[in-house]
PDB file of all heavy atoms in Angstrom:
ATOM      1  N   VAL A   1      91.090 -50.289  -7.121  1.00  0.00           N
ATOM      2  CA  VAL A   1      90.089 -50.181  -8.188  1.00  0.00           C
ATOM      3  C   VAL A   1      89.471 -48.787  -8.245  1.00  0.00           C
ATOM      4  O   VAL A   1      89.271 -48.185  -9.286  1.00  0.00           O
ATOM      5  CB  VAL A   1      88.994 -51.247  -8.074  1.00  0.00           C
ATOM      6  CG1 VAL A   1      87.866 -51.011  -9.081  1.00  0.00           C
ATOM      7  CG2 VAL A   1      89.614 -52.639  -8.296  1.00  0.00           C
ATOM      8  N   ASP A   2      89.199 -48.221  -7.043  1.00  0.00           N
ATOM      9  CA  ASP A   2      88.551 -46.880  -7.007  1.00  0.00           C
ATOM     10  C   ASP A   2      89.413 -45.812  -7.698  1.00  0.00           C
ATOM     11  O   ASP A   2      88.951 -44.970  -8.379  1.00  0.00           O
ATOM     12  CB  ASP A   2      88.353 -46.446  -5.546  1.00  0.00           C
ATOM     13  CG  ASP A   2      87.166 -47.224  -4.909  1.00  0.00           C
ATOM     14  OD1 ASP A   2      86.475 -47.907  -5.637  1.00  0.00           O
ATOM     15  OD2 ASP A   2      86.988 -47.102  -3.660  1.00  0.00           O
ATOM     16  N   ASP A   3      90.752 -45.957  -7.527  1.00  0.00           N
ATOM     17  CA  ASP A   3      91.695 -45.014  -8.154  1.00  0.00           C
ATOM     18  C   ASP A   3      91.689 -45.207  -9.649  1.00  0.00           C
ATOM     19  O   ASP A   3      91.790 -44.231 -10.401  1.00  0.00           O
ATOM     20  CB  ASP A   3      93.126 -45.168  -7.607  1.00  0.00           C
ATOM     21  CG  ASP A   3      93.251 -44.771  -6.152  1.00  0.00           C
ATOM     22  OD1 ASP A   3      92.269 -44.144  -5.645  1.00  0.00           O
ATOM     23  OD2 ASP A   3      94.244 -45.097  -5.531  1.00  0.00           O
ATOM     24  N   VAL A   4      91.645 -46.451 -10.070  1.00  0.00           N
ATOM     25  CA  VAL A   4      91.655 -46.718 -11.559  1.00  0.00           C
ATOM     26  C   VAL A   4      90.382 -46.228 -12.186  1.00  0.00           C
ATOM     27  O   VAL A   4      90.448 -45.626 -13.261  1.00  0.00           O
ATOM     28  CB  VAL A   4      91.802 -48.279 -11.768  1.00  0.00           C
ATOM     29  CG1 VAL A   4      91.842 -48.554 -13.255  1.00  0.00           C
ATOM     30  CG2 VAL A   4      93.125 -48.734 -11.159  1.00  0.00           C
ATOM     31  N   VAL A   5      89.268 -46.496 -11.539  1.00  0.00           N
ATOM     32  CA  VAL A   5      88.008 -45.983 -12.070  1.00  0.00           C
ATOM     33  C   VAL A   5      88.006 -44.481 -12.167  1.00  0.00           C
ATOM     34  O   VAL A   5      87.575 -43.891 -13.175  1.00  0.00           O
ATOM     35  CB  VAL A   5      86.798 -46.458 -11.210  1.00  0.00           C
ATOM     36  CG1 VAL A   5      85.525 -45.765 -11.619  1.00  0.00           C
ATOM     37  CG2 VAL A   5      86.606 -47.957 -11.338  1.00  0.00           C
ATOM     38  N   ALA A   6      88.515 -43.824 -11.113  1.00  0.00           N
ATOM     39  CA  ALA A   6      88.570 -42.337 -11.122  1.00  0.00           C
ATOM     40  C   ALA A   6      89.450 -41.818 -12.283  1.00  0.00           C
ATOM     41  O   ALA A   6      89.092 -40.855 -12.941  1.00  0.00           O
ATOM     42  CB  ALA A   6      89.101 -41.836  -9.796  1.00  0.00           C
ATOM     43  N   ASP A   7      90.601 -42.471 -12.526  1.00  0.00           N
ATOM     44  CA  ASP A   7      91.455 -42.120 -13.632  1.00  0.00           C
ATOM     45  C   ASP A   7      90.705 -42.253 -14.968  1.00  0.00           C
ATOM     46  O   ASP A   7      90.783 -41.395 -15.861  1.00  0.00           O
ATOM     47  CB  ASP A   7      92.710 -42.996 -13.673  1.00  0.00           C
ATOM     48  CG  ASP A   7      93.803 -42.467 -12.720  1.00  0.00           C
ATOM     49  OD1 ASP A   7      93.617 -41.360 -12.222  1.00  0.00           O
ATOM     50  OD2 ASP A   7      94.782 -43.192 -12.547  1.00  0.00           O
ATOM     51  N   ALA A   8      90.028 -43.391 -15.135  1.00  0.00           N
ATOM     52  CA  ALA A   8      89.342 -43.654 -16.408  1.00  0.00           C
ATOM     53  C   ALA A   8      88.243 -42.615 -16.639  1.00  0.00           C
ATOM     54  O   ALA A   8      88.062 -42.163 -17.763  1.00  0.00           O
ATOM     55  CB  ALA A   8      88.757 -45.045 -16.405  1.00  0.00           C
ATOM     56  N   ILE A   9      87.556 -42.239 -15.605  1.00  0.00           N
ATOM     57  CA  ILE A   9      86.492 -41.245 -15.758  1.00  0.00           C
ATOM     58  C   ILE A   9      87.089 -39.871 -16.060  1.00  0.00           C
ATOM     59  O   ILE A   9      86.579 -39.165 -16.895  1.00  0.00           O
ATOM     60  CB  ILE A   9      85.613 -41.234 -14.489  1.00  0.00           C
ATOM     61  CG1 ILE A   9      84.797 -42.501 -14.352  1.00  0.00           C
ATOM     62  CG2 ILE A   9      84.711 -39.987 -14.507  1.00  0.00           C
ATOM     63  CD1 ILE A   9      84.055 -42.638 -13.065  1.00  0.00           C
ATOM     64  N   GLU A  10      88.131 -39.500 -15.346  1.00  0.00           N
ATOM     65  CA  GLU A  10      88.757 -38.189 -15.605  1.00  0.00           C
ATOM     66  C   GLU A  10      89.271 -38.119 -17.041  1.00  0.00           C
ATOM     67  O   GLU A  10      89.038 -37.113 -17.750  1.00  0.00           O
ATOM     68  CB  GLU A  10      89.933 -37.961 -14.644  1.00  0.00           C
ATOM     69  CG  GLU A  10      90.661 -36.656 -14.846  1.00  0.00           C
ATOM     70  CD  GLU A  10      91.873 -36.459 -14.021  1.00  0.00           C
ATOM     71  OE1 GLU A  10      92.431 -37.498 -13.551  1.00  0.00           O
ATOM     72  OE2 GLU A  10      92.337 -35.310 -13.910  1.00  0.00           O
ATOM     73  N   ARG A  11      89.942 -39.147 -17.455  1.00  0.00           N
ATOM     74  CA  ARG A  11      90.448 -39.131 -18.826  1.00  0.00           C
ATOM     75  C   ARG A  11      89.333 -39.216 -19.860  1.00  0.00           C
ATOM     76  O   ARG A  11      89.378 -38.513 -20.850  1.00  0.00           O
ATOM     77  CB  ARG A  11      91.458 -40.322 -19.004  1.00  0.00           C
ATOM     78  CG  ARG A  11      92.746 -40.040 -18.313  1.00  0.00           C
ATOM     79  CD  ARG A  11      93.691 -41.232 -18.291  1.00  0.00           C
ATOM     80  NE  ARG A  11      95.004 -40.803 -17.784  1.00  0.00           N
ATOM     81  CZ  ARG A  11      96.035 -40.470 -18.548  1.00  0.00           C
ATOM     82  NH1 ARG A  11      95.924 -40.552 -19.901  1.00  0.00           N
ATOM     83  NH2 ARG A  11      97.176 -40.045 -18.012  1.00  0.00           N
ATOM     84  N   GLY A  12      88.375 -40.026 -19.594  1.00  0.00           N
ATOM     85  CA  GLY A  12      87.230 -40.112 -20.539  1.00  0.00           C
ATOM     86  C   GLY A  12      86.499 -38.828 -20.707  1.00  0.00           C
ATOM     87  O   GLY A  12      86.243 -38.428 -21.861  1.00  0.00           O
ATOM     88  N   ARG A  13      86.260 -38.166 -19.673  1.00  0.00           N
ATOM     89  CA  ARG A  13      85.542 -36.836 -19.768  1.00  0.00           C
ATOM     90  C   ARG A  13      86.441 -35.817 -20.533  1.00  0.00           C
ATOM     91  O   ARG A  13      85.917 -35.057 -21.364  1.00  0.00           O
ATOM     92  CB  ARG A  13      85.259 -36.285 -18.357  1.00  0.00           C
ATOM     93  CG  ARG A  13      84.132 -36.966 -17.631  1.00  0.00           C
ATOM     94  CD  ARG A  13      84.017 -36.433 -16.229  1.00  0.00           C
ATOM     95  NE  ARG A  13      82.869 -36.956 -15.554  1.00  0.00           N
ATOM     96  CZ  ARG A  13      82.598 -36.812 -14.261  1.00  0.00           C
ATOM     97  NH1 ARG A  13      83.472 -36.126 -13.519  1.00  0.00           N
ATOM     98  NH2 ARG A  13      81.491 -37.258 -13.716  1.00  0.00           N
ATOM     99  N   ALA A  14      87.720 -35.863 -20.255  1.00  0.00           N
ATOM    100  CA  ALA A  14      88.643 -34.955 -20.982  1.00  0.00           C
ATOM    101  C   ALA A  14      88.642 -35.250 -22.471  1.00  0.00           C
ATOM    102  O   ALA A  14      88.701 -34.350 -23.321  1.00  0.00           O
ATOM    103  CB  ALA A  14      90.057 -35.050 -20.396  1.00  0.00           C
ATOM    104  N   PHE A  15      88.606 -36.525 -22.814  1.00  0.00           N
ATOM    105  CA  PHE A  15      88.686 -36.927 -24.200  1.00  0.00           C
ATOM    106  C   PHE A  15      87.343 -36.523 -24.929  1.00  0.00           C
ATOM    107  O   PHE A  15      87.366 -36.102 -26.093  1.00  0.00           O
ATOM    108  CB  PHE A  15      88.856 -38.478 -24.386  1.00  0.00           C
ATOM    109  CG  PHE A  15      90.209 -38.914 -23.851  1.00  0.00           C
ATOM    110  CD1 PHE A  15      90.372 -40.267 -23.511  1.00  0.00           C
ATOM    111  CD2 PHE A  15      91.282 -38.070 -23.657  1.00  0.00           C
ATOM    112  CE1 PHE A  15      91.605 -40.730 -23.051  1.00  0.00           C
ATOM    113  CE2 PHE A  15      92.498 -38.478 -23.146  1.00  0.00           C
ATOM    114  CZ  PHE A  15      92.648 -39.807 -22.854  1.00  0.00           C
ATOM    115  N   LEU A  16      86.247 -36.640 -24.214  1.00  0.00           N
ATOM    116  CA  LEU A  16      84.971 -36.223 -24.830  1.00  0.00           C
ATOM    117  C   LEU A  16      84.974 -34.730 -25.003  1.00  0.00           C
ATOM    118  O   LEU A  16      84.507 -34.213 -26.074  1.00  0.00           O
ATOM    119  CB  LEU A  16      83.815 -36.632 -23.926  1.00  0.00           C
ATOM    120  CG  LEU A  16      83.534 -38.165 -23.830  1.00  0.00           C
ATOM    121  CD1 LEU A  16      82.365 -38.409 -22.840  1.00  0.00           C
ATOM    122  CD2 LEU A  16      83.196 -38.752 -25.175  1.00  0.00           C
ATOM    123  N   ASP A  17      85.483 -34.017 -24.038  1.00  0.00           N
ATOM    124  CA  ASP A  17      85.551 -32.510 -24.166  1.00  0.00           C
ATOM    125  C   ASP A  17      86.431 -32.094 -25.280  1.00  0.00           C
ATOM    126  O   ASP A  17      86.203 -31.070 -25.952  1.00  0.00           O
ATOM    127  CB  ASP A  17      86.074 -31.923 -22.855  1.00  0.00           C
ATOM    128  CG  ASP A  17      85.097 -31.998 -21.704  1.00  0.00           C
ATOM    129  OD1 ASP A  17      83.895 -32.235 -21.977  1.00  0.00           O
ATOM    130  OD2 ASP A  17      85.502 -31.804 -20.557  1.00  0.00           O
ATOM    131  N   ALA A  18      87.397 -32.967 -25.653  1.00  0.00           N
ATOM    132  CA  ALA A  18      88.340 -32.663 -26.765  1.00  0.00           C
ATOM    133  C   ALA A  18      87.800 -33.084 -28.119  1.00  0.00           C
ATOM    134  O   ALA A  18      88.457 -32.801 -29.122  1.00  0.00           O
ATOM    135  CB  ALA A  18      89.683 -33.325 -26.485  1.00  0.00           C
ATOM    136  N   GLY A  19      86.634 -33.684 -28.099  1.00  0.00           N
ATOM    137  CA  GLY A  19      85.950 -34.000 -29.367  1.00  0.00           C
ATOM    138  C   GLY A  19      85.817 -35.436 -29.723  1.00  0.00           C
ATOM    139  O   GLY A  19      85.291 -35.830 -30.764  1.00  0.00           O
ATOM    140  N   ALA A  20      86.216 -36.383 -28.796  1.00  0.00           N
ATOM    141  CA  ALA A  20      86.009 -37.800 -29.061  1.00  0.00           C
ATOM    142  C   ALA A  20      84.503 -38.091 -28.972  1.00  0.00           C
ATOM    143  O   ALA A  20      83.755 -37.444 -28.243  1.00  0.00           O
ATOM    144  CB  ALA A  20      86.753 -38.615 -28.072  1.00  0.00           C
ATOM    145  N   ALA A  21      84.081 -39.136 -29.709  1.00  0.00           N
ATOM    146  CA  ALA A  21      82.678 -39.508 -29.728  1.00  0.00           C
ATOM    147  C   ALA A  21      82.405 -40.527 -28.584  1.00  0.00           C
ATOM    148  O   ALA A  21      81.300 -40.631 -28.116  1.00  0.00           O
ATOM    149  CB  ALA A  21      82.280 -40.129 -31.059  1.00  0.00           C
ATOM    150  N   CYS A  22      83.405 -41.282 -28.220  1.00  0.00           N
ATOM    151  CA  CYS A  22      83.237 -42.390 -27.291  1.00  0.00           C
ATOM    152  C   CYS A  22      84.521 -42.627 -26.540  1.00  0.00           C
ATOM    153  O   CYS A  22      85.639 -42.164 -27.022  1.00  0.00           O
ATOM    154  CB  CYS A  22      82.848 -43.615 -28.140  1.00  0.00           C
ATOM    155  SG  CYS A  22      82.068 -44.934 -27.215  1.00  0.00           S
ATOM    156  N   VAL A  23      84.480 -43.282 -25.436  1.00  0.00           N
ATOM    157  CA  VAL A  23      85.669 -43.581 -24.635  1.00  0.00           C
ATOM    158  C   VAL A  23      85.797 -45.111 -24.453  1.00  0.00           C
ATOM    159  O   VAL A  23      84.914 -45.779 -23.894  1.00  0.00           O
ATOM    160  CB  VAL A  23      85.626 -42.893 -23.240  1.00  0.00           C
ATOM    161  CG1 VAL A  23      86.810 -43.275 -22.433  1.00  0.00           C
ATOM    162  CG2 VAL A  23      85.483 -41.376 -23.386  1.00  0.00           C
ATOM    163  N   PHE A  24      86.898 -45.641 -24.921  1.00  0.00           N
ATOM    164  CA  PHE A  24      87.161 -47.093 -24.894  1.00  0.00           C
ATOM    165  C   PHE A  24      87.947 -47.383 -23.639  1.00  0.00           C
ATOM    166  O   PHE A  24      89.053 -46.869 -23.426  1.00  0.00           O
ATOM    167  CB  PHE A  24      87.930 -47.480 -26.134  1.00  0.00           C
ATOM    168  CG  PHE A  24      88.251 -48.943 -26.317  1.00  0.00           C
ATOM    169  CD1 PHE A  24      87.430 -49.932 -25.744  1.00  0.00           C
ATOM    170  CD2 PHE A  24      89.334 -49.341 -26.994  1.00  0.00           C
ATOM    171  CE1 PHE A  24      87.719 -51.258 -25.902  1.00  0.00           C
ATOM    172  CE2 PHE A  24      89.660 -50.676 -27.210  1.00  0.00           C
ATOM    173  CZ  PHE A  24      88.815 -51.667 -26.607  1.00  0.00           C
ATOM    174  N   VAL A  25      87.390 -48.274 -22.786  1.00  0.00           N
ATOM    175  CA  VAL A  25      88.016 -48.652 -21.566  1.00  0.00           C
ATOM    176  C   VAL A  25      88.212 -50.172 -21.556  1.00  0.00           C
ATOM    177  O   VAL A  25      87.399 -50.950 -21.036  1.00  0.00           O
ATOM    178  CB  VAL A  25      87.185 -48.258 -20.325  1.00  0.00           C
ATOM    179  CG1 VAL A  25      87.994 -48.470 -19.015  1.00  0.00           C
ATOM    180  CG2 VAL A  25      86.724 -46.817 -20.401  1.00  0.00           C
ATOM    181  N   PRO A  26      89.284 -50.665 -22.163  1.00  0.00           N
ATOM    182  CA  PRO A  26      89.531 -52.092 -22.268  1.00  0.00           C
ATOM    183  C   PRO A  26      89.903 -52.668 -20.858  1.00  0.00           C
ATOM    184  O   PRO A  26      90.486 -52.003 -20.070  1.00  0.00           O
ATOM    185  CB  PRO A  26      90.688 -52.220 -23.279  1.00  0.00           C
ATOM    186  CG  PRO A  26      91.410 -50.936 -23.207  1.00  0.00           C
ATOM    187  CD  PRO A  26      90.338 -49.893 -22.915  1.00  0.00           C
ATOM    188  N   GLY A  27      89.573 -53.895 -20.713  1.00  0.00           N
ATOM    189  CA  GLY A  27      89.840 -54.627 -19.473  1.00  0.00           C
ATOM    190  C   GLY A  27      88.679 -55.563 -19.176  1.00  0.00           C
ATOM    191  O   GLY A  27      87.601 -55.463 -19.780  1.00  0.00           O
ATOM    192  N   LYS A  28      88.904 -56.580 -18.314  1.00  0.00           N
ATOM    193  CA  LYS A  28      87.816 -57.464 -17.909  1.00  0.00           C
ATOM    194  C   LYS A  28      87.067 -56.770 -16.800  1.00  0.00           C
ATOM    195  O   LYS A  28      87.477 -56.835 -15.613  1.00  0.00           O
ATOM    196  CB  LYS A  28      88.366 -58.801 -17.501  1.00  0.00           C
ATOM    197  CG  LYS A  28      87.336 -59.873 -17.266  1.00  0.00           C
ATOM    198  CD  LYS A  28      87.961 -61.205 -16.953  1.00  0.00           C
ATOM    199  CE  LYS A  28      86.868 -62.286 -16.700  1.00  0.00           C
ATOM    200  NZ  LYS A  28      87.533 -63.576 -16.385  1.00  0.00           N
ATOM    201  N   LEU A  29      85.951 -56.148 -17.115  1.00  0.00           N
ATOM    202  CA  LEU A  29      85.252 -55.268 -16.163  1.00  0.00           C
ATOM    203  C   LEU A  29      84.007 -55.989 -15.633  1.00  0.00           C
ATOM    204  O   LEU A  29      83.239 -56.619 -16.352  1.00  0.00           O
ATOM    205  CB  LEU A  29      84.813 -53.987 -16.902  1.00  0.00           C
ATOM    206  CG  LEU A  29      85.882 -53.260 -17.730  1.00  0.00           C
ATOM    207  CD1 LEU A  29      85.314 -52.061 -18.453  1.00  0.00           C
ATOM    208  CD2 LEU A  29      87.049 -52.752 -16.791  1.00  0.00           C
ATOM    209  N   ASP A  30      83.830 -55.838 -14.307  1.00  0.00           N
ATOM    210  CA  ASP A  30      82.610 -56.415 -13.707  1.00  0.00           C
ATOM    211  C   ASP A  30      81.471 -55.461 -13.803  1.00  0.00           C
ATOM    212  O   ASP A  30      81.604 -54.287 -14.253  1.00  0.00           O
ATOM    213  CB  ASP A  30      82.858 -56.856 -12.259  1.00  0.00           C
ATOM    214  CG  ASP A  30      83.280 -55.723 -11.353  1.00  0.00           C
ATOM    215  OD1 ASP A  30      82.933 -54.552 -11.638  1.00  0.00           O
ATOM    216  OD2 ASP A  30      83.917 -56.036 -10.318  1.00  0.00           O
ATOM    217  N   LEU A  31      80.309 -55.887 -13.379  1.00  0.00           N
ATOM    218  CA  LEU A  31      79.068 -55.122 -13.550  1.00  0.00           C
ATOM    219  C   LEU A  31      79.153 -53.794 -12.779  1.00  0.00           C
ATOM    220  O   LEU A  31      78.797 -52.745 -13.371  1.00  0.00           O
ATOM    221  CB  LEU A  31      77.872 -55.923 -13.096  1.00  0.00           C
ATOM    222  CG  LEU A  31      76.482 -55.302 -13.406  1.00  0.00           C
ATOM    223  CD1 LEU A  31      75.468 -56.377 -13.730  1.00  0.00           C
ATOM    224  CD2 LEU A  31      75.947 -54.443 -12.259  1.00  0.00           C
ATOM    225  N   THR A  32      79.613 -53.834 -11.596  1.00  0.00           N
ATOM    226  CA  THR A  32      79.702 -52.581 -10.802  1.00  0.00           C
ATOM    227  C   THR A  32      80.644 -51.557 -11.448  1.00  0.00           C
ATOM    228  O   THR A  32      80.348 -50.367 -11.475  1.00  0.00           O
ATOM    229  CB  THR A  32      80.186 -52.905  -9.371  1.00  0.00           C
ATOM    230  OG1 THR A  32      79.253 -53.768  -8.734  1.00  0.00           O
ATOM    231  CG2 THR A  32      80.316 -51.610  -8.545  1.00  0.00           C
ATOM    232  N   THR A  33      81.745 -52.015 -11.969  1.00  0.00           N
ATOM    233  CA  THR A  33      82.721 -51.129 -12.607  1.00  0.00           C
ATOM    234  C   THR A  33      82.092 -50.510 -13.836  1.00  0.00           C
ATOM    235  O   THR A  33      82.264 -49.304 -14.092  1.00  0.00           O
ATOM    236  CB  THR A  33      84.011 -51.919 -12.973  1.00  0.00           C
ATOM    237  OG1 THR A  33      84.590 -52.399 -11.770  1.00  0.00           O
ATOM    238  CG2 THR A  33      84.988 -50.966 -13.672  1.00  0.00           C
ATOM    239  N   VAL A  34      81.422 -51.301 -14.643  1.00  0.00           N
ATOM    240  CA  VAL A  34      80.803 -50.739 -15.867  1.00  0.00           C
ATOM    241  C   VAL A  34      79.735 -49.727 -15.484  1.00  0.00           C
ATOM    242  O   VAL A  34      79.629 -48.648 -16.081  1.00  0.00           O
ATOM    243  CB  VAL A  34      80.188 -51.872 -16.693  1.00  0.00           C
ATOM    244  CG1 VAL A  34      79.392 -51.282 -17.879  1.00  0.00           C
ATOM    245  CG2 VAL A  34      81.272 -52.810 -17.234  1.00  0.00           C
TER     246      VAL A  34
END
């Protein structure tokens, strides 16, 4: 899970830097992950 979260964060930040308004992370996420 730690690797998956790290990937999502890296990609999310890159997408925001490229002009996205928001980052969609689909999946059944628990409270700590969110």
